[in-house]
Amino acid sequence: MACVIRVLLVDDDALVRAGLSMMLDGAAGITVVGEAADGREAVAATDAHAPDVVLMDLRMPHVNGITATRRLRERARPPEVIVLTTFDTDENILHALRAGAGGFLLKDTPPAQIVEAVTRVAGGDPILSPRITRRLMDRTITQAGAYEQARAALAALTPRELEVALAIAHGRTNAEIAAELFMGITTVKAHVSSMLTKLGLDNRTQIALLAHDAGLA
């Protein structure tokens, strides 16, 4: 008999999980073995059900999808992870792929393509939505010039500010940065504010992307 691909669904929207479950359970060679409502539950559900593939949302309470993906991929026998989200920012894409996701799909992906993605990723073949592939290609084309510009911009930061910038690029919250770098949250916020002023940026996401462009994260 051919092996059946065991799938775990992780999404804080019960209706999304129900729709995915109906779709995937109706596909040949795939069975849904469990569900989880956030990244924390995903780890426990993986222990309980030993899925081959996890369909992972990004924005969830308690533990987000990127952190959950990283934790699952660090296991001795990690499942493959396909991120399935409505949020296709460069930051989310890069963080998910760096965390070990084998696929990145948008929730408007046609059902047949989601089924195909589960099959392909289970076989070790990474897959991205066409829109995501196009964005990564565009980013690569412009990255050579962006690298030098980003390096020059980050040279204006103090060593401590650069540490904070790298932590932001790795998706850390202010509280997590404070704990990792042994400083107060107020100090972290002050560093962020200073960096935004020095770099002429508007938000933390732009700091993260600048660090990525510089090849530092």
C-alpha atoms as a PDB file:
ATOM      1  CA  MET A   1       0.000   0.000   0.000  1.00  0.00           C
ATOM      2  CA  ALA A   2       1.134   3.543  -0.685  1.00  0.00           C
ATOM      3  CA  CYS A   3       1.994   5.629   2.352  1.00  0.00           C
ATOM      4  CA  VAL A   4      -0.680   8.028   3.526  1.00  0.00           C
ATOM      5  CA  ILE A   5       0.511  11.558   4.302  1.00  0.00           C
ATOM      6  CA  ARG A   6      -0.470  12.548   7.833  1.00  0.00           C
ATOM      7  CA  VAL A   7      -1.372  16.238   8.159  1.00  0.00           C
ATOM      8  CA  LEU A   8      -1.774  18.482  11.209  1.00  0.00           C
ATOM      9  CA  LEU A   9      -3.758  21.723  10.832  1.00  0.00           C
ATOM     10  CA  VAL A  10      -2.678  24.732  12.904  1.00  0.00           C
ATOM     11  CA  ASP A  11      -4.885  27.843  12.715  1.00  0.00           C
ATOM     12  CA  ASP A  12      -6.708  29.917  15.325  1.00  0.00           C
ATOM     13  CA  ASP A  13      -9.789  30.107  13.075  1.00  0.00           C
ATOM     14  CA  ALA A  14     -11.952  27.008  13.586  1.00  0.00           C
ATOM     15  CA  LEU A  15     -13.765  27.604  10.283  1.00  0.00           C
ATOM     16  CA  VAL A  16     -10.471  27.628   8.388  1.00  0.00           C
ATOM     17  CA  ARG A  17      -9.455  24.364  10.064  1.00  0.00           C
ATOM     18  CA  ALA A  18     -12.825  22.805   9.228  1.00  0.00           C
ATOM     19  CA  GLY A  19     -12.569  23.815   5.579  1.00  0.00           C
ATOM     20  CA  LEU A  20      -9.020  22.515   5.244  1.00  0.00           C
ATOM     21  CA  SER A  21      -9.945  19.280   6.991  1.00  0.00           C
ATOM     22  CA  MET A  22     -12.831  18.605   4.607  1.00  0.00           C
ATOM     23  CA  MET A  23     -10.673  19.416   1.594  1.00  0.00           C
ATOM     24  CA  LEU A  24      -7.640  17.354   2.585  1.00  0.00           C
ATOM     25  CA  ASP A  25      -9.505  14.352   3.968  1.00  0.00           C
ATOM     26  CA  GLY A  26     -11.206  14.096   0.602  1.00  0.00           C
ATOM     27  CA  ALA A  27      -7.871  13.935  -1.229  1.00  0.00           C
ATOM     28  CA  ALA A  28      -6.287  10.605  -2.123  1.00  0.00           C
ATOM     29  CA  GLY A  29      -3.288   9.653  -0.039  1.00  0.00           C
ATOM     30  CA  ILE A  30      -3.813  12.337   2.643  1.00  0.00           C
ATOM     31  CA  THR A  31      -5.407  12.154   6.072  1.00  0.00           C
ATOM     32  CA  VAL A  32      -5.835  14.886   8.691  1.00  0.00           C
ATOM     33  CA  VAL A  33      -4.672  13.449  12.019  1.00  0.00           C
ATOM     34  CA  GLY A  34      -5.162  16.473  14.264  1.00  0.00           C
ATOM     35  CA  GLU A  35      -5.756  20.177  14.737  1.00  0.00           C
ATOM     36  CA  ALA A  36      -4.307  22.946  16.907  1.00  0.00           C
ATOM     37  CA  ALA A  37      -5.463  26.513  17.560  1.00  0.00           C
ATOM     38  CA  ASP A  38      -2.038  28.082  18.131  1.00  0.00           C
ATOM     39  CA  GLY A  39       1.672  27.385  17.974  1.00  0.00           C
ATOM     40  CA  ARG A  40       1.836  26.126  21.536  1.00  0.00           C
ATOM     41  CA  GLU A  41      -0.836  23.516  20.870  1.00  0.00           C
ATOM     42  CA  ALA A  42       0.953  22.605  17.631  1.00  0.00           C
ATOM     43  CA  VAL A  43       3.955  21.252  19.515  1.00  0.00           C
ATOM     44  CA  ALA A  44       1.784  19.069  21.759  1.00  0.00           C
ATOM     45  CA  ALA A  45      -0.310  17.920  18.806  1.00  0.00           C
ATOM     46  CA  THR A  46       2.839  16.948  16.905  1.00  0.00           C
ATOM     47  CA  ASP A  47       3.902  14.775  19.832  1.00  0.00           C
ATOM     48  CA  ALA A  48       0.466  13.177  19.958  1.00  0.00           C
ATOM     49  CA  HIS A  49      -0.119  12.585  16.239  1.00  0.00           C
ATOM     50  CA  ALA A  50       3.323  12.443  14.548  1.00  0.00           C
ATOM     51  CA  PRO A  51       2.264  14.281  11.371  1.00  0.00           C
ATOM     52  CA  ASP A  52       4.328  14.226   8.206  1.00  0.00           C
ATOM     53  CA  VAL A  53       3.205  17.734   7.212  1.00  0.00           C
ATOM     54  CA  VAL A  54       1.957  20.658   9.296  1.00  0.00           C
ATOM     55  CA  LEU A  55      -0.132  23.408   7.702  1.00  0.00           C
ATOM     56  CA  MET A  56       0.786  26.418   9.827  1.00  0.00           C
ATOM     57  CA  ASP A  57      -0.887  29.812  10.160  1.00  0.00           C
ATOM     58  CA  LEU A  58       1.337  32.775  11.161  1.00  0.00           C
ATOM     59  CA  ARG A  59      -0.722  35.163  13.285  1.00  0.00           C
ATOM     60  CA  MET A  60      -1.952  33.192  16.320  1.00  0.00           C
ATOM     61  CA  PRO A  61      -2.193  33.799  20.077  1.00  0.00           C
ATOM     62  CA  HIS A  62       0.341  32.534  22.641  1.00  0.00           C
ATOM     63  CA  VAL A  63       2.941  31.218  20.152  1.00  0.00           C
ATOM     64  CA  ASN A  64       3.025  32.466  16.564  1.00  0.00           C
ATOM     65  CA  GLY A  65       3.552  30.313  13.503  1.00  0.00           C
ATOM     66  CA  ILE A  66       7.182  31.259  12.902  1.00  0.00           C
ATOM     67  CA  THR A  67       8.230  30.369  16.448  1.00  0.00           C
ATOM     68  CA  ALA A  68       6.216  27.144  16.279  1.00  0.00           C
ATOM     69  CA  THR A  69       7.817  26.261  12.935  1.00  0.00           C
ATOM     70  CA  ARG A  70      11.282  26.752  14.385  1.00  0.00           C
ATOM     71  CA  ARG A  71      10.465  24.565  17.391  1.00  0.00           C
ATOM     72  CA  LEU A  72       9.039  21.780  15.247  1.00  0.00           C
ATOM     73  CA  ARG A  73      11.965  21.818  12.819  1.00  0.00           C
ATOM     74  CA  GLU A  74      14.433  21.527  15.704  1.00  0.00           C
ATOM     75  CA  ARG A  75      12.961  18.190  16.778  1.00  0.00           C
ATOM     76  CA  ALA A  76      14.767  14.885  16.260  1.00  0.00           C
ATOM     77  CA  ARG A  77      12.177  13.805  13.661  1.00  0.00           C
ATOM     78  CA  PRO A  78      10.736  17.090  12.401  1.00  0.00           C
ATOM     79  CA  PRO A  79       7.594  17.274  10.286  1.00  0.00           C
ATOM     80  CA  GLU A  80       7.621  19.321   7.118  1.00  0.00           C
ATOM     81  CA  VAL A  81       5.897  22.696   7.573  1.00  0.00           C
ATOM     82  CA  ILE A  82       3.862  24.628   5.032  1.00  0.00           C
ATOM     83  CA  VAL A  83       2.985  28.156   6.084  1.00  0.00           C
ATOM     84  CA  LEU A  84      -0.569  29.004   4.988  1.00  0.00           C
ATOM     85  CA  THR A  85      -1.350  32.655   5.638  1.00  0.00           C
ATOM     86  CA  THR A  86      -2.896  35.873   4.377  1.00  0.00           C
ATOM     87  CA  PHE A  87       0.208  37.864   5.406  1.00  0.00           C
ATOM     88  CA  ASP A  88       2.793  37.876   2.608  1.00  0.00           C
ATOM     89  CA  THR A  89       5.168  40.608   3.768  1.00  0.00           C
ATOM     90  CA  ASP A  90       8.850  40.154   2.992  1.00  0.00           C
ATOM     91  CA  GLU A  91       9.532  39.885   6.709  1.00  0.00           C
ATOM     92  CA  ASN A  92       7.076  37.009   7.169  1.00  0.00           C
ATOM     93  CA  ILE A  93       8.356  35.164   4.112  1.00  0.00           C
ATOM     94  CA  LEU A  94      12.005  35.422   5.113  1.00  0.00           C
ATOM     95  CA  HIS A  95      11.385  34.554   8.755  1.00  0.00           C
ATOM     96  CA  ALA A  96       9.269  31.530   7.851  1.00  0.00           C
ATOM     97  CA  LEU A  97      11.828  30.191   5.407  1.00  0.00           C
ATOM     98  CA  ARG A  98      14.675  30.792   7.835  1.00  0.00           C
ATOM     99  CA  ALA A  99      12.702  28.957  10.523  1.00  0.00           C
ATOM    100  CA  GLY A 100      12.659  25.908   8.282  1.00  0.00           C
ATOM    101  CA  ALA A 101       9.319  26.040   6.476  1.00  0.00           C
ATOM    102  CA  GLY A 102       9.292  23.891   3.361  1.00  0.00           C
ATOM    103  CA  GLY A 103       6.465  25.842   1.766  1.00  0.00           C
ATOM    104  CA  PHE A 104       4.780  29.232   1.874  1.00  0.00           C
ATOM    105  CA  LEU A 105       1.243  29.504   0.498  1.00  0.00           C
ATOM    106  CA  LEU A 106      -1.401  32.184   0.656  1.00  0.00           C
ATOM    107  CA  LYS A 107      -4.889  31.333   1.859  1.00  0.00           C
ATOM    108  CA  ASP A 108      -6.385  32.269  -1.500  1.00  0.00           C
ATOM    109  CA  THR A 109      -4.432  29.395  -3.089  1.00  0.00           C
ATOM    110  CA  PRO A 110      -6.838  27.074  -4.982  1.00  0.00           C
ATOM    111  CA  PRO A 111      -7.642  23.840  -3.089  1.00  0.00           C
ATOM    112  CA  ALA A 112      -6.052  21.603  -5.719  1.00  0.00           C
ATOM    113  CA  GLN A 113      -2.762  23.493  -5.368  1.00  0.00           C
ATOM    114  CA  ILE A 114      -2.829  23.151  -1.579  1.00  0.00           C
ATOM    115  CA  VAL A 115      -3.315  19.389  -1.960  1.00  0.00           C
ATOM    116  CA  GLU A 116      -0.445  19.285  -4.470  1.00  0.00           C
ATOM    117  CA  ALA A 117       1.758  21.316  -2.103  1.00  0.00           C
ATOM    118  CA  VAL A 118       1.148  18.877   0.761  1.00  0.00           C
ATOM    119  CA  THR A 119       2.145  15.967  -1.467  1.00  0.00           C
ATOM    120  CA  ARG A 120       5.229  17.673  -2.847  1.00  0.00           C
ATOM    121  CA  VAL A 121       6.507  18.983   0.481  1.00  0.00           C
ATOM    122  CA  ALA A 122       5.972  15.570   2.082  1.00  0.00           C
ATOM    123  CA  GLY A 123       8.295  14.238  -0.610  1.00  0.00           C
ATOM    124  CA  GLY A 124      10.965  16.798   0.216  1.00  0.00           C
ATOM    125  CA  ASP A 125      10.206  19.246  -2.585  1.00  0.00           C
ATOM    126  CA  PRO A 126       9.847  22.857  -1.302  1.00  0.00           C
ATOM    127  CA  ILE A 127       7.024  24.908  -2.788  1.00  0.00           C
ATOM    128  CA  LEU A 128       6.073  28.591  -2.837  1.00  0.00           C
ATOM    129  CA  SER A 129       3.023  30.407  -4.133  1.00  0.00           C
ATOM    130  CA  PRO A 130       3.795  31.956  -7.545  1.00  0.00           C
ATOM    131  CA  ARG A 131       3.275  35.419  -6.076  1.00  0.00           C
ATOM    132  CA  ILE A 132       5.840  34.665  -3.349  1.00  0.00           C
ATOM    133  CA  THR A 133       8.326  33.309  -5.895  1.00  0.00           C
ATOM    134  CA  ARG A 134       7.981  36.492  -7.941  1.00  0.00           C
ATOM    135  CA  ARG A 135       8.596  38.666  -4.878  1.00  0.00           C
ATOM    136  CA  LEU A 136      11.704  36.714  -3.905  1.00  0.00           C
ATOM    137  CA  MET A 137      13.016  36.946  -7.461  1.00  0.00           C
ATOM    138  CA  ASP A 138      12.442  40.693  -7.506  1.00  0.00           C
ATOM    139  CA  ARG A 139      14.148  40.972  -4.148  1.00  0.00           C
ATOM    140  CA  THR A 140      17.171  39.000  -5.383  1.00  0.00           C
ATOM    141  CA  ILE A 141      17.492  41.181  -8.466  1.00  0.00           C
ATOM    142  CA  THR A 142      17.638  44.339  -6.388  1.00  0.00           C
ATOM    143  CA  GLN A 143      19.621  42.862  -3.515  1.00  0.00           C
ATOM    144  CA  ALA A 144      23.118  43.550  -4.870  1.00  0.00           C
ATOM    145  CA  GLY A 145      22.694  47.313  -4.737  1.00  0.00           C
ATOM    146  CA  ALA A 146      20.587  47.108  -1.600  1.00  0.00           C
ATOM    147  CA  TYR A 147      23.372  45.198   0.196  1.00  0.00           C
ATOM    148  CA  GLU A 148      25.874  48.033  -0.101  1.00  0.00           C
ATOM    149  CA  GLN A 149      23.285  50.656   0.791  1.00  0.00           C
ATOM    150  CA  ALA A 150      22.108  48.689   3.822  1.00  0.00           C
ATOM    151  CA  ARG A 151      25.655  48.128   5.068  1.00  0.00           C
ATOM    152  CA  ALA A 152      26.402  51.832   4.757  1.00  0.00           C
ATOM    153  CA  ALA A 153      23.212  52.783   6.583  1.00  0.00           C
ATOM    154  CA  LEU A 154      23.796  50.366   9.478  1.00  0.00           C
ATOM    155  CA  ALA A 155      27.330  51.725   9.928  1.00  0.00           C
ATOM    156  CA  ALA A 156      25.684  54.745  11.594  1.00  0.00           C
ATOM    157  CA  LEU A 157      24.426  52.601  14.489  1.00  0.00           C
ATOM    158  CA  THR A 158      26.217  52.016  17.754  1.00  0.00           C
ATOM    159  CA  PRO A 159      27.215  48.398  18.545  1.00  0.00           C
ATOM    160  CA  ARG A 160      24.330  48.150  21.022  1.00  0.00           C
ATOM    161  CA  GLU A 161      21.829  49.512  18.512  1.00  0.00           C
ATOM    162  CA  LEU A 162      23.071  46.998  15.963  1.00  0.00           C
ATOM    163  CA  GLU A 163      22.429  44.172  18.444  1.00  0.00           C
ATOM    164  CA  VAL A 164      18.869  45.417  18.885  1.00  0.00           C
ATOM    165  CA  ALA A 165      18.434  45.698  15.111  1.00  0.00           C
ATOM    166  CA  LEU A 166      19.531  42.077  14.631  1.00  0.00           C
ATOM    167  CA  ALA A 167      17.139  40.920  17.345  1.00  0.00           C
ATOM    168  CA  ILE A 168      14.295  42.765  15.602  1.00  0.00           C
ATOM    169  CA  ALA A 169      15.282  41.091  12.338  1.00  0.00           C
ATOM    170  CA  HIS A 170      14.916  37.711  14.045  1.00  0.00           C
ATOM    171  CA  GLY A 171      11.374  38.557  15.116  1.00  0.00           C
ATOM    172  CA  ARG A 172      12.035  39.287  18.792  1.00  0.00           C
ATOM    173  CA  THR A 173       9.607  41.439  20.778  1.00  0.00           C
ATOM    174  CA  ASN A 174      10.818  44.300  22.984  1.00  0.00           C
ATOM    175  CA  ALA A 175      10.446  42.088  26.051  1.00  0.00           C
ATOM    176  CA  GLU A 176      12.438  39.281  24.438  1.00  0.00           C
ATOM    177  CA  ILE A 177      15.168  41.708  23.343  1.00  0.00           C
ATOM    178  CA  ALA A 178      15.363  43.137  26.860  1.00  0.00           C
ATOM    179  CA  ALA A 179      15.785  39.656  28.336  1.00  0.00           C
ATOM    180  CA  GLU A 180      18.358  38.509  25.753  1.00  0.00           C
ATOM    181  CA  LEU A 181      20.481  41.662  25.897  1.00  0.00           C
ATOM    182  CA  PHE A 182      20.078  42.301  29.631  1.00  0.00           C
ATOM    183  CA  MET A 183      18.519  45.738  29.397  1.00  0.00           C
ATOM    184  CA  GLY A 184      15.237  47.325  30.377  1.00  0.00           C
ATOM    185  CA  ILE A 185      12.299  47.507  27.990  1.00  0.00           C
ATOM    186  CA  THR A 186      12.449  51.302  28.177  1.00  0.00           C
ATOM    187  CA  THR A 187      16.066  51.153  27.015  1.00  0.00           C
ATOM    188  CA  VAL A 188      15.116  48.859  24.130  1.00  0.00           C
ATOM    189  CA  LYS A 189      12.406  51.302  23.054  1.00  0.00           C
ATOM    190  CA  ALA A 190      14.903  54.155  23.230  1.00  0.00           C
ATOM    191  CA  HIS A 191      17.339  52.255  20.994  1.00  0.00           C
ATOM    192  CA  VAL A 192      14.562  51.529  18.493  1.00  0.00           C
ATOM    193  CA  SER A 193      13.530  55.184  18.428  1.00  0.00           C
ATOM    194  CA  SER A 194      17.135  56.261  17.947  1.00  0.00           C
ATOM    195  CA  MET A 195      17.608  53.795  15.085  1.00  0.00           C
ATOM    196  CA  LEU A 196      14.463  54.952  13.305  1.00  0.00           C
ATOM    197  CA  THR A 197      15.707  58.535  13.477  1.00  0.00           C
ATOM    198  CA  LYS A 198      19.257  57.726  12.343  1.00  0.00           C
ATOM    199  CA  LEU A 199      18.122  55.478   9.500  1.00  0.00           C
ATOM    200  CA  GLY A 200      15.187  57.614   8.382  1.00  0.00           C
ATOM    201  CA  LEU A 201      12.765  54.701   8.768  1.00  0.00           C
ATOM    202  CA  ASP A 202       9.168  54.526   9.918  1.00  0.00           C
ATOM    203  CA  ASN A 203       8.821  51.198  11.726  1.00  0.00           C
ATOM    204  CA  ARG A 204      10.457  48.026  13.058  1.00  0.00           C
ATOM    205  CA  THR A 205       9.692  46.029   9.919  1.00  0.00           C
ATOM    206  CA  GLN A 206      11.877  48.368   7.902  1.00  0.00           C
ATOM    207  CA  ILE A 207      14.705  47.868  10.409  1.00  0.00           C
ATOM    208  CA  ALA A 208      14.353  44.102   9.989  1.00  0.00           C
ATOM    209  CA  LEU A 209      14.404  44.304   6.190  1.00  0.00           C
ATOM    210  CA  LEU A 210      17.449  46.574   6.277  1.00  0.00           C
ATOM    211  CA  ALA A 211      19.300  44.000   8.399  1.00  0.00           C
ATOM    212  CA  HIS A 212      18.310  41.274   5.939  1.00  0.00           C
ATOM    213  CA  ASP A 213      19.465  43.392   2.988  1.00  0.00           C
ATOM    214  CA  ALA A 214      22.819  43.816   4.733  1.00  0.00           C
ATOM    215  CA  GLY A 215      23.142  40.044   5.065  1.00  0.00           C
ATOM    216  CA  LEU A 216      23.211  40.212   8.859  1.00  0.00           C
ATOM    217  CA  ALA A 217      20.074  38.190   9.623  1.00  0.00           C
END
